Amino acid sequence: MAFWKRLRPEGRRPAPSSEVVITDPEIRSILEELAEQEGRSAQQIAADLLRYALSARYAAQEYLRRWQRLSRREQQVVALLCLGYSYREVAEQLIVSYDTVKTHARNALNKFELRNLSEMRQALADWDFSAWQPTSTAKSMGNLG
């Protein structure tokens, strides 16, 4: 993400004067263990982890902002696709054509600035889409009888 590159341009290490103060003994111990394993200072490890966490937080906020720009139908399509439904299953659930689902998915991918469904599923892997889980006929009917 662009934010990560702003925090740490390629090939550049944090300035030696930057310092991350860790007062929690458990976290300090883990950092020292990691530093020993990697042959770097605990400060470098802490700074890199903090940069990574800030980058991840920024990415999460950015994806949420982009999610809010989707239409309601695009959100439904994305949620179902992220729940593991195929394009055809989403079309059946929403009672729309396969091509309509593909169009909504393509529009959502463009808004998220992602290339394919796999990238979208990975980007939103931590999201809880359980509320979008259909309770309707198509999946349930097979379980009756």
Foldseek 3Di string as FASTA:
>chain_A
DVQLCVVPPPPDADDPPDFDDDDDPVLLVVLCVVCVVVVHHSRRVVSVVVSVVVVLVVLVVLLVVLLVVQDPVLNLLLLVVLVPDDLVRSCVLVVHDSVVSVVSPVVSCVSSVHDDSVVSSVSCVVPDSVVSDDPDDPVVVVVDD
